[in-house]
Protein backbone atom coordinates (compact mmCIF):
# COMPACT_ATOMS: atom_id res chain seq x y z
CA LYS A 1 28.14 -36.93 6.82
CA THR A 2 24.83 -38.77 7.09
CA ASP A 3 25.82 -40.31 10.43
CA PHE A 4 26.61 -36.87 11.83
CA ILE A 5 23.29 -35.43 10.68
CA ASN A 6 21.43 -38.39 12.19
CA PHE A 7 23.41 -37.93 15.40
CA ILE A 8 22.14 -34.35 15.63
CA ASN A 9 18.59 -34.97 14.43
CA ASP A 10 18.04 -37.98 16.70
CA GLN A 11 19.52 -36.01 19.62
CA GLU A 12 21.95 -38.81 20.42
CA TRP A 13 24.32 -36.14 21.71
CA LYS A 14 22.19 -35.84 24.86
CA SER A 15 23.24 -39.33 25.99
CA ILE A 16 26.96 -38.51 25.87
CA GLU A 17 28.61 -37.50 29.11
CA PRO A 18 30.39 -34.12 28.97
CA VAL A 19 34.16 -33.95 29.13
CA SER A 20 35.55 -33.34 32.60
CA SER A 21 36.85 -29.82 33.19
CA TRP A 22 40.22 -31.42 33.95
CA PHE A 23 40.49 -32.40 30.26
CA GLY A 24 38.86 -29.25 28.86
CA PRO A 25 40.78 -27.22 26.29
CA SER A 26 41.47 -24.35 28.72
CA SER A 27 42.54 -26.51 31.68
CA LEU A 28 46.04 -26.42 33.13
CA LEU A 29 46.71 -29.96 31.91
CA MET A 30 45.77 -29.26 28.30
CA SER A 31 47.56 -25.90 28.30
CA SER A 32 50.71 -27.66 29.51
CA MET A 33 50.36 -30.30 26.82
CA SER A 34 49.96 -27.57 24.22
CA ALA A 35 53.09 -25.81 25.48
CA LEU A 36 55.08 -29.06 25.31
CA PHE A 37 53.87 -29.66 21.77
CA GLN A 38 54.86 -26.14 20.75
CA LEU A 39 58.29 -26.64 22.34
CA SER A 40 58.79 -29.89 20.45
CA MET A 41 57.86 -28.17 17.19
CA TRP A 42 60.29 -25.34 17.94
CA ILE A 43 63.05 -27.90 18.58
CA ARG A 44 62.19 -29.70 15.34
CA HIS A 45 62.34 -26.47 13.34
CA GLY A 46 65.58 -25.52 15.08
CA HIS A 47 67.10 -28.88 14.21
CA GLY A 48 66.03 -28.46 10.59
CA TYR A 49 67.51 -24.97 10.46
CA LEU A 50 70.82 -26.11 11.92
CA THR A 51 71.16 -29.12 9.62
CA GLU A 52 69.63 -27.83 6.38
CA ASN A 53 70.41 -24.10 6.35
CA LEU A 54 73.66 -23.97 8.29
CA GLY A 55 74.98 -27.35 7.16
CA ILE A 56 75.77 -28.59 10.67
CA PRO A 57 75.86 -32.40 10.83
CA VAL A 58 73.04 -34.15 12.69
CA TRP A 59 75.32 -35.08 15.58
CA GLY A 60 76.32 -31.41 15.86
CA SER A 61 72.69 -30.38 16.13
CA TYR A 62 72.17 -32.98 18.85
CA ALA A 63 75.22 -31.62 20.66
CA VAL A 64 73.85 -28.07 20.47
CA PHE A 65 70.49 -29.09 21.92
CA GLY A 66 72.17 -31.30 24.53
CA LEU A 67 74.35 -28.43 25.71
CA ALA A 68 71.37 -26.07 25.70
CA THR A 69 69.50 -28.55 27.90
CA LEU A 70 72.42 -28.84 30.32
CA PHE A 71 72.93 -25.08 30.57
CA SER A 72 69.22 -24.34 31.00
CA GLY A 73 69.09 -26.92 33.80
CA LEU A 74 72.14 -25.35 35.40
CA ILE A 75 70.62 -21.87 35.22
CA LEU A 76 67.26 -23.05 36.57
CA GLY A 77 69.04 -24.84 39.41
CA LEU A 78 71.06 -21.74 40.30
CA VAL A 79 67.98 -19.52 40.20
CA SER A 80 65.96 -21.92 42.35
CA GLU A 81 68.83 -22.17 44.83
CA ALA A 82 69.26 -18.41 45.00
CA PHE A 83 65.57 -17.55 45.34
CA GLY A 84 64.19 -20.75 46.88
CA PRO A 85 63.23 -21.29 50.51
CA ASP A 86 66.08 -21.36 52.99
């Protein structure tokens, strides 16, 4: 706590270079990282629900998420083929 107060009082913060806008909290890069983190948490909670609440074995949960990944890739591929450039 004392170091932080000294940091402010001695105005040491003026010598620190600001963070690039590329790495700012509202940048596209950080928003994408946040979305990936939220997706990973959703997958973790989904895995816990399948194994703990529904009693599906761990390998069954992996199979469910594996099939979901394959089907979502198939659907995205079909959509991009149907609406993509000719």
